[in-house]
Amino acid sequence: MGVHGGPDIVTDGLVFAVDAANEQSWTGPNSNNAYNTVGTTVGSIINDTSGSYGDNNSFIFDGVDDSIDFTLPSQTLYHLSIWFSRTAGITTSQVGSNRTLLGWGESGTLTGIFFGAFTSAATDETILLYQNSQGTNRLTYIRDTANSNFHNLSINWNGSSYDMYLDGTSRTTYIGNVGHLQQLTINHLYLGRSNNSVYEHTGNISNCQIYNRSLSASEVLHNYNALKGRFGLWNLDQ
């Protein structure tokens, strides 16, 4: 396995990588630290670390108070990829039961990747990118919440909006009432919760990568294929 979280993943433009299967991302199951393995080491706090490592070399999130929090150099978000699973039976049809896969930004402006409908702007159960800025809710979403198996979600800036890929395949995106999200800036990253410490994730996160450039569709698929064997997905057609 490569030091950046998997065999033969794309490294051109990779600026952030954390992976529970890579010992360089953590100092042991009893540690309160996790690390970005690309460039300068960035420390973080893992809240409630009991049982943080499970099947498929993943961090486990209980939906109550677990998160992995990073402070990063401010950078424009071009591409983000994350492998995750969701606990079966978690409903996401109501705003009050939304679950956050990850959040970013300063506290006070809700941003991140969420499961479930979020006001009338997304009427079906979804995986959605969301940003609230000065009272304006911007959404870009796909109509799929993913089942309880492991999945890979990638978001990729295409020059005017974010494309969303699930398991290496580009999905049809929908927008909220005020249009697609504008390009985002990353300076804080919270795995397993929103930046406002609400809507926590229930399930696992195995790894997450951020790039300082957009990836091609073939590169997105390449990264998916490079890691899918870890989750027993070798026999799935693309």
Foldseek 3Di string as FASTA:
>chain_A
DDQQEFPPADDVQWDFKWFLVHCQQDVDLPDQWGFTSHDDTWTWGWPPSVPLADALSWGFWAQAFTKTKTFADKAWFFKKKWKWFADPPQDAADQQSKAFQKAFDAAPWWWGWIWYDDPPQRNATWTWTWTQDPNDIKIKTARDRDHRAMKMWMWGDPPAAIFIDILLHTGDIDIGPVGGDGTDMGRMMMGQAINNRHRGGGTIIGMMITGNHGDDSVSSNVNSQRSVVSRVCPPDDD
